[in-house]
């Protein structure tokens, strides 16, 4: 009891002030219809503002779930579209000579940026129809990497931020061929080389993967050209790209299965056949006779 009395004595001054303020506001609010309406309007404004803040906060913490759901929906629709194109190739016009067959959404478990050979671990594996060789794209469709190893529940992808990886590419407008690769260091820039000196090249040009690139579906965007220059021999251009995918913030990816690329890899591994095995058999030529 003594502690309670001591506590009340300690706070009685602000407590009395608070009670008097409440009483004063009540008397002011009920003094006329105008003041009552004004206070009600102010109260509604405060409630609306606090409700908006609460809604924004709750939406912020639900963004991860929404992103995962959106990624899954994108993968589902892309798979349906790919199947439709394949089944109706005679009526659907497409620029893709090699078309993907399956899209699998996945979440990035870990991602390295500071090595010469960087890797990405995702939470989908063999049980989710993931296999070695599948392309890894960002939700926007930008190049990220390709699957190199799988377990039942997880997979490892080689990131395009690997100095040993070379991607067959082209200029999106001019269609001139080039080679894109990572030179190490900055995780946001890429190198591009072997662009013909006759190519119509300019800063801001989009660089994309081509058919038979081995790693990505045709048209997959790698980055945009930031600068370029002619080589010493005055025969080719080389330049620097700004990567389209932001590897420092990558969280969700889409795994793309393209069975046709397997044939490309197989052809590159097979030895060149002997000439007589691919030429049609020719009949023995008879020497002309003279009468």
C-alpha atoms as a PDB file:
ATOM      1  CA  UNK A   1       0.000   0.000   0.000  1.00  0.00           C
ATOM      2  CA  UNK A   2       2.812   2.405   0.902  1.00  0.00           C
ATOM      3  CA  UNK A   3       4.394   1.823  -2.525  1.00  0.00           C
ATOM      4  CA  UNK A   4       1.077   2.600  -4.242  1.00  0.00           C
ATOM      5  CA  UNK A   5       0.655   5.819  -2.258  1.00  0.00           C
ATOM      6  CA  UNK A   6       4.249   6.794  -3.052  1.00  0.00           C
ATOM      7  CA  UNK A   7       3.668   6.096  -6.771  1.00  0.00           C
ATOM      8  CA  UNK A   8       0.483   8.215  -6.826  1.00  0.00           C
ATOM      9  CA  UNK A   9       2.272  11.087  -5.060  1.00  0.00           C
ATOM     10  CA  UNK A  10       5.035  10.848  -7.634  1.00  0.00           C
ATOM     11  CA  UNK A  11       2.744  11.091 -10.681  1.00  0.00           C
ATOM     12  CA  UNK A  12      -0.249  12.971  -9.314  1.00  0.00           C
ATOM     13  CA  UNK A  13       0.706  16.263 -10.983  1.00  0.00           C
ATOM     14  CA  UNK A  14       0.825  14.926 -14.577  1.00  0.00           C
ATOM     15  CA  UNK A  15      -2.138  12.667 -13.771  1.00  0.00           C
ATOM     16  CA  UNK A  16      -4.269  15.641 -12.727  1.00  0.00           C
ATOM     17  CA  UNK A  17      -3.116  17.562 -15.809  1.00  0.00           C
ATOM     18  CA  UNK A  18      -4.114  14.638 -18.042  1.00  0.00           C
ATOM     19  CA  UNK A  19      -7.565  14.331 -16.449  1.00  0.00           C
ATOM     20  CA  UNK A  20      -8.155  18.070 -16.739  1.00  0.00           C
ATOM     21  CA  UNK A  21      -7.119  18.035 -20.397  1.00  0.00           C
ATOM     22  CA  UNK A  22      -9.529  15.203 -21.149  1.00  0.00           C
ATOM     23  CA  UNK A  23     -12.305  17.071 -19.363  1.00  0.00           C
ATOM     24  CA  UNK A  24     -11.491  20.282 -21.252  1.00  0.00           C
ATOM     25  CA  UNK A  25     -11.562  18.519 -24.626  1.00  0.00           C
ATOM     26  CA  UNK A  26     -14.879  16.912 -23.736  1.00  0.00           C
ATOM     27  CA  UNK A  27     -16.406  20.238 -22.707  1.00  0.00           C
ATOM     28  CA  UNK A  28     -15.092  21.869 -25.896  1.00  0.00           C
ATOM     29  CA  UNK A  29     -16.387  19.040 -28.064  1.00  0.00           C
ATOM     30  CA  UNK A  30     -19.897  19.240 -26.634  1.00  0.00           C
ATOM     31  CA  UNK A  31     -20.063  23.028 -26.489  1.00  0.00           C
ATOM     32  CA  UNK A  32     -21.557  23.384 -30.008  1.00  0.00           C
ATOM     33  CA  UNK A  33     -22.497  21.272 -33.046  1.00  0.00           C
ATOM     34  CA  UNK A  34     -19.666  22.911 -35.049  1.00  0.00           C
ATOM     35  CA  UNK A  35     -16.918  21.855 -32.637  1.00  0.00           C
ATOM     36  CA  UNK A  36     -18.405  18.358 -32.450  1.00  0.00           C
ATOM     37  CA  UNK A  37     -18.292  18.011 -36.248  1.00  0.00           C
ATOM     38  CA  UNK A  38     -14.732  19.346 -36.376  1.00  0.00           C
ATOM     39  CA  UNK A  39     -13.457  16.925 -33.781  1.00  0.00           C
ATOM     40  CA  UNK A  40     -15.209  14.017 -35.482  1.00  0.00           C
ATOM     41  CA  UNK A  41     -13.582  14.960 -38.787  1.00  0.00           C
ATOM     42  CA  UNK A  42     -10.171  15.176 -37.108  1.00  0.00           C
ATOM     43  CA  UNK A  43     -10.765  11.826 -35.434  1.00  0.00           C
ATOM     44  CA  UNK A  44     -11.659  10.202 -38.773  1.00  0.00           C
ATOM     45  CA  UNK A  45      -8.542  11.700 -40.329  1.00  0.00           C
ATOM     46  CA  UNK A  46      -6.306  10.266 -37.585  1.00  0.00           C
ATOM     47  CA  UNK A  47      -7.972   6.858 -37.813  1.00  0.00           C
ATOM     48  CA  UNK A  48      -7.607   6.818 -41.611  1.00  0.00           C
ATOM     49  CA  UNK A  49      -3.933   7.772 -41.423  1.00  0.00           C
ATOM     50  CA  UNK A  50      -3.143   5.125 -38.793  1.00  0.00           C
ATOM     51  CA  UNK A  51      -5.067   2.512 -40.783  1.00  0.00           C
ATOM     52  CA  UNK A  52      -3.063   3.388 -43.910  1.00  0.00           C
ATOM     53  CA  UNK A  53       0.235   3.091 -42.043  1.00  0.00           C
ATOM     54  CA  UNK A  54      -0.770  -0.281 -40.605  1.00  0.00           C
ATOM     55  CA  UNK A  55      -1.798  -1.508 -44.065  1.00  0.00           C
ATOM     56  CA  UNK A  56       1.528  -0.435 -45.618  1.00  0.00           C
ATOM     57  CA  UNK A  57       3.484  -2.136 -42.832  1.00  0.00           C
ATOM     58  CA  UNK A  58       1.524  -5.379 -43.185  1.00  0.00           C
ATOM     59  CA  UNK A  59       1.963  -5.324 -46.975  1.00  0.00           C
ATOM     60  CA  UNK A  60       5.693  -4.781 -46.586  1.00  0.00           C
ATOM     61  CA  UNK A  61       6.077  -7.898 -44.439  1.00  0.00           C
ATOM     62  CA  UNK A  62       3.962  -9.926 -46.892  1.00  0.00           C
ATOM     63  CA  UNK A  63       6.032  -8.967 -49.954  1.00  0.00           C
ATOM     64  CA  UNK A  64       8.165 -12.112 -49.795  1.00  0.00           C
ATOM     65  CA  UNK A  65       5.094 -14.355 -49.879  1.00  0.00           C
ATOM     66  CA  UNK A  66       3.596 -12.298 -52.719  1.00  0.00           C
ATOM     67  CA  UNK A  67       6.845 -12.513 -54.715  1.00  0.00           C
ATOM     68  CA  UNK A  68       6.978 -16.285 -54.347  1.00  0.00           C
ATOM     69  CA  UNK A  69       3.342 -16.608 -55.437  1.00  0.00           C
ATOM     70  CA  UNK A  70       3.936 -14.307 -58.418  1.00  0.00           C
ATOM     71  CA  UNK A  71       7.054 -16.227 -59.409  1.00  0.00           C
ATOM     72  CA  UNK A  72       5.142 -19.505 -59.335  1.00  0.00           C
ATOM     73  CA  UNK A  73       2.378 -18.001 -61.452  1.00  0.00           C
ATOM     74  CA  UNK A  74       4.873 -16.702 -64.014  1.00  0.00           C
ATOM     75  CA  UNK A  75       6.490 -20.135 -64.277  1.00  0.00           C
ATOM     76  CA  UNK A  76       3.098 -21.809 -64.703  1.00  0.00           C
ATOM     77  CA  UNK A  77       1.984 -19.436 -67.458  1.00  0.00           C
ATOM     78  CA  UNK A  78       5.323 -19.646 -69.268  1.00  0.00           C
ATOM     79  CA  UNK A  79       5.090 -23.443 -69.275  1.00  0.00           C
ATOM     80  CA  UNK A  80       1.562 -23.329 -70.678  1.00  0.00           C
ATOM     81  CA  UNK A  81       2.636 -20.848 -73.350  1.00  0.00           C
ATOM     82  CA  UNK A  82       5.633 -22.969 -74.341  1.00  0.00           C
ATOM     83  CA  UNK A  83       3.462 -26.073 -74.662  1.00  0.00           C
ATOM     84  CA  UNK A  84       0.902 -24.167 -76.713  1.00  0.00           C
ATOM     85  CA  UNK A  85       3.594 -22.910 -79.088  1.00  0.00           C
ATOM     86  CA  UNK A  86       4.992 -26.399 -79.487  1.00  0.00           C
ATOM     87  CA  UNK A  87       1.603 -27.971 -80.195  1.00  0.00           C
ATOM     88  CA  UNK A  88       0.513 -25.169 -82.541  1.00  0.00           C
ATOM     89  CA  UNK A  89       3.796 -24.325 -84.215  1.00  0.00           C
ATOM     90  CA  UNK A  90       2.070 -24.187 -87.626  1.00  0.00           C
ATOM     91  CA  UNK A  91      -0.245 -21.319 -86.600  1.00  0.00           C
ATOM     92  CA  UNK A  92       1.804 -19.488 -83.947  1.00  0.00           C
ATOM     93  CA  UNK A  93       4.519 -17.175 -85.191  1.00  0.00           C
ATOM     94  CA  UNK A  94       7.617 -17.152 -82.995  1.00  0.00           C
ATOM     95  CA  UNK A  95      11.232 -16.077 -83.276  1.00  0.00           C
ATOM     96  CA  UNK A  96      12.363 -18.974 -81.096  1.00  0.00           C
ATOM     97  CA  UNK A  97      13.921 -21.799 -83.072  1.00  0.00           C
ATOM     98  CA  UNK A  98      14.578 -23.580 -79.811  1.00  0.00           C
ATOM     99  CA  UNK A  99      11.719 -23.237 -77.328  1.00  0.00           C
ATOM    100  CA  UNK A 100      11.751 -24.151 -73.620  1.00  0.00           C
ATOM    101  CA  UNK A 101       9.382 -26.808 -72.315  1.00  0.00           C
ATOM    102  CA  UNK A 102       9.214 -26.358 -68.535  1.00  0.00           C
ATOM    103  CA  UNK A 103       9.519 -23.456 -66.082  1.00  0.00           C
ATOM    104  CA  UNK A 104      10.147 -24.149 -62.378  1.00  0.00           C
ATOM    105  CA  UNK A 105      10.035 -21.324 -59.782  1.00  0.00           C
ATOM    106  CA  UNK A 106      12.694 -21.456 -57.067  1.00  0.00           C
ATOM    107  CA  UNK A 107      14.008 -19.436 -54.148  1.00  0.00           C
ATOM    108  CA  UNK A 108      17.690 -18.567 -53.799  1.00  0.00           C
ATOM    109  CA  UNK A 109      19.181 -20.143 -50.667  1.00  0.00           C
ATOM    110  CA  UNK A 110      22.698 -18.739 -51.066  1.00  0.00           C
ATOM    111  CA  UNK A 111      24.564 -16.679 -53.629  1.00  0.00           C
ATOM    112  CA  UNK A 112      28.281 -15.854 -53.920  1.00  0.00           C
ATOM    113  CA  UNK A 113      29.641 -12.728 -55.593  1.00  0.00           C
ATOM    114  CA  UNK A 114      33.303 -12.386 -54.588  1.00  0.00           C
ATOM    115  CA  UNK A 115      34.902 -15.418 -56.242  1.00  0.00           C
ATOM    116  CA  UNK A 116      36.219 -16.169 -59.696  1.00  0.00           C
ATOM    117  CA  UNK A 117      33.663 -18.991 -59.993  1.00  0.00           C
ATOM    118  CA  UNK A 118      30.425 -17.999 -58.272  1.00  0.00           C
ATOM    119  CA  UNK A 119      27.527 -20.303 -57.478  1.00  0.00           C
ATOM    120  CA  UNK A 120      23.834 -20.045 -56.596  1.00  0.00           C
ATOM    121  CA  UNK A 121      21.975 -22.590 -54.458  1.00  0.00           C
ATOM    122  CA  UNK A 122      18.196 -22.887 -54.962  1.00  0.00           C
ATOM    123  CA  UNK A 123      15.546 -24.781 -53.019  1.00  0.00           C
ATOM    124  CA  UNK A 124      14.356 -27.019 -55.868  1.00  0.00           C
ATOM    125  CA  UNK A 125      15.831 -30.352 -56.913  1.00  0.00           C
ATOM    126  CA  UNK A 126      15.206 -33.639 -58.660  1.00  0.00           C
ATOM    127  CA  UNK A 127      11.883 -34.073 -56.837  1.00  0.00           C
ATOM    128  CA  UNK A 128      10.716 -30.841 -58.529  1.00  0.00           C
ATOM    129  CA  UNK A 129      11.729 -31.969 -62.053  1.00  0.00           C
ATOM    130  CA  UNK A 130      14.988 -29.994 -61.934  1.00  0.00           C
ATOM    131  CA  UNK A 131      17.907 -31.448 -63.891  1.00  0.00           C
ATOM    132  CA  UNK A 132      21.466 -30.532 -64.814  1.00  0.00           C
ATOM    133  CA  UNK A 133      21.686 -28.055 -67.670  1.00  0.00           C
ATOM    134  CA  UNK A 134      18.525 -26.071 -66.936  1.00  0.00           C
ATOM    135  CA  UNK A 135      18.822 -22.312 -67.393  1.00  0.00           C
ATOM    136  CA  UNK A 136      18.425 -20.006 -64.388  1.00  0.00           C
ATOM    137  CA  UNK A 137      16.642 -16.710 -65.069  1.00  0.00           C
ATOM    138  CA  UNK A 138      15.470 -13.830 -62.925  1.00  0.00           C
ATOM    139  CA  UNK A 139      11.670 -13.310 -62.672  1.00  0.00           C
ATOM    140  CA  UNK A 140      12.068 -10.619 -65.336  1.00  0.00           C
ATOM    141  CA  UNK A 141      13.690 -13.134 -67.685  1.00  0.00           C
ATOM    142  CA  UNK A 142      17.306 -11.958 -67.355  1.00  0.00           C
ATOM    143  CA  UNK A 143      20.280 -14.346 -67.517  1.00  0.00           C
ATOM    144  CA  UNK A 144      21.487 -15.575 -64.106  1.00  0.00           C
ATOM    145  CA  UNK A 145      23.179 -18.978 -64.566  1.00  0.00           C
ATOM    146  CA  UNK A 146      22.618 -22.672 -65.293  1.00  0.00           C
ATOM    147  CA  UNK A 147      22.172 -25.786 -63.137  1.00  0.00           C
ATOM    148  CA  UNK A 148      25.313 -27.880 -62.661  1.00  0.00           C
ATOM    149  CA  UNK A 149      24.338 -30.247 -59.833  1.00  0.00           C
ATOM    150  CA  UNK A 150      21.139 -31.505 -58.207  1.00  0.00           C
ATOM    151  CA  UNK A 151      20.006 -33.363 -55.106  1.00  0.00           C
ATOM    152  CA  UNK A 152      16.453 -34.404 -54.266  1.00  0.00           C
ATOM    153  CA  UNK A 153      15.535 -30.999 -52.755  1.00  0.00           C
ATOM    154  CA  UNK A 154      18.274 -28.535 -53.752  1.00  0.00           C
ATOM    155  CA  UNK A 155      20.319 -27.581 -56.804  1.00  0.00           C
ATOM    156  CA  UNK A 156      23.536 -25.689 -57.481  1.00  0.00           C
ATOM    157  CA  UNK A 157      23.818 -23.320 -60.425  1.00  0.00           C
ATOM    158  CA  UNK A 158      26.934 -21.829 -61.945  1.00  0.00           C
ATOM    159  CA  UNK A 159      26.403 -18.080 -61.982  1.00  0.00           C
ATOM    160  CA  UNK A 160      27.175 -16.065 -65.093  1.00  0.00           C
ATOM    161  CA  UNK A 161      29.600 -14.306 -62.725  1.00  0.00           C
ATOM    162  CA  UNK A 162      32.190 -16.976 -63.516  1.00  0.00           C
ATOM    163  CA  UNK A 163      35.318 -16.204 -65.466  1.00  0.00           C
ATOM    164  CA  UNK A 164      35.239 -19.566 -67.250  1.00  0.00           C
ATOM    165  CA  UNK A 165      31.774 -19.007 -68.746  1.00  0.00           C
ATOM    166  CA  UNK A 166      31.440 -17.624 -72.283  1.00  0.00           C
ATOM    167  CA  UNK A 167      27.968 -16.870 -73.656  1.00  0.00           C
ATOM    168  CA  UNK A 168      27.224 -16.754 -77.385  1.00  0.00           C
ATOM    169  CA  UNK A 169      25.295 -13.513 -77.845  1.00  0.00           C
ATOM    170  CA  UNK A 170      24.154 -10.889 -80.327  1.00  0.00           C
ATOM    171  CA  UNK A 171      23.085  -7.271 -80.569  1.00  0.00           C
ATOM    172  CA  UNK A 172      19.300  -7.133 -80.190  1.00  0.00           C
ATOM    173  CA  UNK A 173      18.736  -4.684 -83.073  1.00  0.00           C
ATOM    174  CA  UNK A 174      21.584  -5.342 -85.504  1.00  0.00           C
ATOM    175  CA  UNK A 175      21.690  -9.114 -84.780  1.00  0.00           C
ATOM    176  CA  UNK A 176      25.480  -9.089 -85.085  1.00  0.00           C
ATOM    177  CA  UNK A 177      27.141 -11.938 -83.229  1.00  0.00           C
ATOM    178  CA  UNK A 178      29.377 -11.397 -80.198  1.00  0.00           C
ATOM    179  CA  UNK A 179      30.742 -13.141 -77.116  1.00  0.00           C
ATOM    180  CA  UNK A 180      29.767 -12.085 -73.584  1.00  0.00           C
ATOM    181  CA  UNK A 181      31.747 -13.017 -70.471  1.00  0.00           C
ATOM    182  CA  UNK A 182      32.582 -11.861 -66.951  1.00  0.00           C
ATOM    183  CA  UNK A 183      36.011 -10.392 -66.424  1.00  0.00           C
ATOM    184  CA  UNK A 184      35.927 -10.667 -62.624  1.00  0.00           C
ATOM    185  CA  UNK A 185      35.705  -7.940 -60.007  1.00  0.00           C
ATOM    186  CA  UNK A 186      32.519  -5.882 -60.284  1.00  0.00           C
ATOM    187  CA  UNK A 187      29.395  -8.068 -59.996  1.00  0.00           C
ATOM    188  CA  UNK A 188      27.305  -5.629 -62.045  1.00  0.00           C
ATOM    189  CA  UNK A 189      29.407  -5.399 -65.209  1.00  0.00           C
ATOM    190  CA  UNK A 190      30.183  -7.796 -68.042  1.00  0.00           C
ATOM    191  CA  UNK A 191      32.519  -7.856 -71.022  1.00  0.00           C
ATOM    192  CA  UNK A 192      31.584  -8.245 -74.672  1.00  0.00           C
ATOM    193  CA  UNK A 193      33.972  -9.005 -77.536  1.00  0.00           C
ATOM    194  CA  UNK A 194      34.184 -10.054 -81.191  1.00  0.00           C
ATOM    195  CA  UNK A 195      31.595  -7.595 -82.494  1.00  0.00           C
ATOM    196  CA  UNK A 196      32.040  -7.029 -86.223  1.00  0.00           C
ATOM    197  CA  UNK A 197      33.398  -3.631 -87.208  1.00  0.00           C
ATOM    198  CA  UNK A 198      30.492  -3.401 -89.669  1.00  0.00           C
ATOM    199  CA  UNK A 199      27.877  -3.752 -86.908  1.00  0.00           C
ATOM    200  CA  UNK A 200      25.564  -0.841 -86.180  1.00  0.00           C
ATOM    201  CA  UNK A 201      26.518  -0.511 -82.545  1.00  0.00           C
ATOM    202  CA  UNK A 202      25.659   2.214 -80.039  1.00  0.00           C
ATOM    203  CA  UNK A 203      25.604   2.788 -76.281  1.00  0.00           C
ATOM    204  CA  UNK A 204      22.422   1.425 -74.685  1.00  0.00           C
ATOM    205  CA  UNK A 205      22.234  -1.531 -77.073  1.00  0.00           C
ATOM    206  CA  UNK A 206      20.743  -4.665 -75.523  1.00  0.00           C
ATOM    207  CA  UNK A 207      22.864  -7.823 -75.633  1.00  0.00           C
ATOM    208  CA  UNK A 208      20.916 -11.098 -75.688  1.00  0.00           C
ATOM    209  CA  UNK A 209      21.631 -14.811 -75.886  1.00  0.00           C
ATOM    210  CA  UNK A 210      21.241 -16.541 -79.242  1.00  0.00           C
ATOM    211  CA  UNK A 211      19.998 -19.955 -80.323  1.00  0.00           C
ATOM    212  CA  UNK A 212      22.400 -22.756 -79.458  1.00  0.00           C
ATOM    213  CA  UNK A 213      24.062 -20.650 -76.775  1.00  0.00           C
ATOM    214  CA  UNK A 214      24.058 -23.831 -74.621  1.00  0.00           C
ATOM    215  CA  UNK A 215      23.038 -21.951 -71.500  1.00  0.00           C
ATOM    216  CA  UNK A 216      19.975 -19.763 -72.134  1.00  0.00           C
ATOM    217  CA  UNK A 217      16.903 -19.655 -74.376  1.00  0.00           C
ATOM    218  CA  UNK A 218      17.144 -17.426 -77.420  1.00  0.00           C
ATOM    219  CA  UNK A 219      16.458 -13.787 -76.640  1.00  0.00           C
ATOM    220  CA  UNK A 220      17.399 -13.967 -72.963  1.00  0.00           C
ATOM    221  CA  UNK A 221      18.695 -10.514 -72.048  1.00  0.00           C
ATOM    222  CA  UNK A 222      22.195 -10.373 -70.579  1.00  0.00           C
ATOM    223  CA  UNK A 223      22.705  -6.626 -70.242  1.00  0.00           C
ATOM    224  CA  UNK A 224      22.990  -3.257 -71.957  1.00  0.00           C
ATOM    225  CA  UNK A 225      26.076  -1.799 -73.611  1.00  0.00           C
ATOM    226  CA  UNK A 226      27.743   0.968 -71.588  1.00  0.00           C
ATOM    227  CA  UNK A 227      30.840   1.590 -73.715  1.00  0.00           C
ATOM    228  CA  UNK A 228      32.707   0.121 -76.683  1.00  0.00           C
ATOM    229  CA  UNK A 229      35.902   0.609 -78.677  1.00  0.00           C
ATOM    230  CA  UNK A 230      37.710  -0.792 -81.698  1.00  0.00           C
ATOM    231  CA  UNK A 231      40.539  -3.250 -81.072  1.00  0.00           C
ATOM    232  CA  UNK A 232      44.133  -2.580 -82.042  1.00  0.00           C
ATOM    233  CA  UNK A 233      43.783  -4.449 -85.332  1.00  0.00           C
ATOM    234  CA  UNK A 234      40.739  -2.337 -86.325  1.00  0.00           C
ATOM    235  CA  UNK A 235      38.761  -5.497 -87.069  1.00  0.00           C
ATOM    236  CA  UNK A 236      36.426  -5.970 -84.079  1.00  0.00           C
ATOM    237  CA  UNK A 237      34.645  -4.019 -81.376  1.00  0.00           C
ATOM    238  CA  UNK A 238      34.803  -4.867 -77.678  1.00  0.00           C
ATOM    239  CA  UNK A 239      32.924  -3.226 -74.837  1.00  0.00           C
ATOM    240  CA  UNK A 240      31.443  -3.248 -71.356  1.00  0.00           C
ATOM    241  CA  UNK A 241      27.916  -4.286 -70.368  1.00  0.00           C
ATOM    242  CA  UNK A 242      25.726  -3.360 -67.438  1.00  0.00           C
ATOM    243  CA  UNK A 243      24.135  -6.636 -66.332  1.00  0.00           C
ATOM    244  CA  UNK A 244      20.347  -6.716 -66.463  1.00  0.00           C
ATOM    245  CA  UNK A 245      20.050  -8.943 -63.360  1.00  0.00           C
ATOM    246  CA  UNK A 246      20.952  -7.396 -60.002  1.00  0.00           C
ATOM    247  CA  UNK A 247      22.903 -10.193 -58.310  1.00  0.00           C
ATOM    248  CA  UNK A 248      23.193  -8.304 -55.015  1.00  0.00           C
ATOM    249  CA  UNK A 249      19.403  -8.453 -54.557  1.00  0.00           C
ATOM    250  CA  UNK A 250      18.437 -11.661 -56.327  1.00  0.00           C
ATOM    251  CA  UNK A 251      15.984 -13.663 -54.211  1.00  0.00           C
ATOM    252  CA  UNK A 252      13.702 -15.616 -56.550  1.00  0.00           C
ATOM    253  CA  UNK A 253      14.568 -17.260 -59.867  1.00  0.00           C
ATOM    254  CA  UNK A 254      12.946 -19.331 -62.590  1.00  0.00           C
ATOM    255  CA  UNK A 255      14.558 -22.558 -63.823  1.00  0.00           C
ATOM    256  CA  UNK A 256      13.987 -23.192 -67.529  1.00  0.00           C
ATOM    257  CA  UNK A 257      14.194 -26.640 -69.086  1.00  0.00           C
ATOM    258  CA  UNK A 258      15.090 -26.718 -72.764  1.00  0.00           C
ATOM    259  CA  UNK A 259      15.495 -30.267 -74.060  1.00  0.00           C
ATOM    260  CA  UNK A 260      16.606 -29.115 -77.520  1.00  0.00           C
ATOM    261  CA  UNK A 261      19.793 -27.627 -76.066  1.00  0.00           C
ATOM    262  CA  UNK A 262      20.847 -31.183 -75.126  1.00  0.00           C
ATOM    263  CA  UNK A 263      21.190 -31.963 -78.818  1.00  0.00           C
ATOM    264  CA  UNK A 264      23.375 -28.900 -79.282  1.00  0.00           C
ATOM    265  CA  UNK A 265      25.681 -30.010 -76.445  1.00  0.00           C
ATOM    266  CA  UNK A 266      25.805 -33.521 -77.872  1.00  0.00           C
ATOM    267  CA  UNK A 267      26.725 -32.274 -81.331  1.00  0.00           C
ATOM    268  CA  UNK A 268      29.555 -30.182 -79.907  1.00  0.00           C
ATOM    269  CA  UNK A 269      30.965 -33.202 -78.071  1.00  0.00           C
ATOM    270  CA  UNK A 270      30.715 -35.645 -81.006  1.00  0.00           C
ATOM    271  CA  UNK A 271      33.747 -35.852 -83.320  1.00  0.00           C
ATOM    272  CA  UNK A 272      33.375 -34.561 -86.879  1.00  0.00           C
ATOM    273  CA  UNK A 273      32.270 -37.489 -89.044  1.00  0.00           C
ATOM    274  CA  UNK A 274      34.389 -38.674 -91.908  1.00  0.00           C
ATOM    275  CA  UNK A 275      33.578 -37.055 -95.235  1.00  0.00           C
ATOM    276  CA  UNK A 276      32.746 -40.324 -96.991  1.00  0.00           C
ATOM    277  CA  UNK A 277      30.160 -41.156 -94.308  1.00  0.00           C
ATOM    278  CA  UNK A 278      28.030 -38.078 -94.987  1.00  0.00           C
ATOM    279  CA  UNK A 279      28.314 -37.847 -98.776  1.00  0.00           C
ATOM    280  CA  UNK A 280      25.874 -39.890-100.860  1.00  0.00           C
ATOM    281  CA  UNK A 281      27.342 -42.895-102.603  1.00  0.00           C
ATOM    282  CA  UNK A 282      28.277 -42.125-106.164  1.00  0.00           C
ATOM    283  CA  UNK A 283      28.015 -44.624-108.947  1.00  0.00           C
ATOM    284  CA  UNK A 284      31.194 -45.496-110.752  1.00  0.00           C
ATOM    285  CA  UNK A 285      31.631 -43.159-113.628  1.00  0.00           C
ATOM    286  CA  UNK A 286      31.913 -44.872-116.983  1.00  0.00           C
ATOM    287  CA  UNK A 287      34.319 -43.494-119.512  1.00  0.00           C
ATOM    288  CA  UNK A 288      32.585 -42.201-122.607  1.00  0.00           C
ATOM    289  CA  UNK A 289      32.915 -44.393-125.691  1.00  0.00           C
ATOM    290  CA  UNK A 290      33.465 -43.147-129.170  1.00  0.00           C
ATOM    291  CA  UNK A 291      31.967 -44.720-132.157  1.00  0.00           C
END
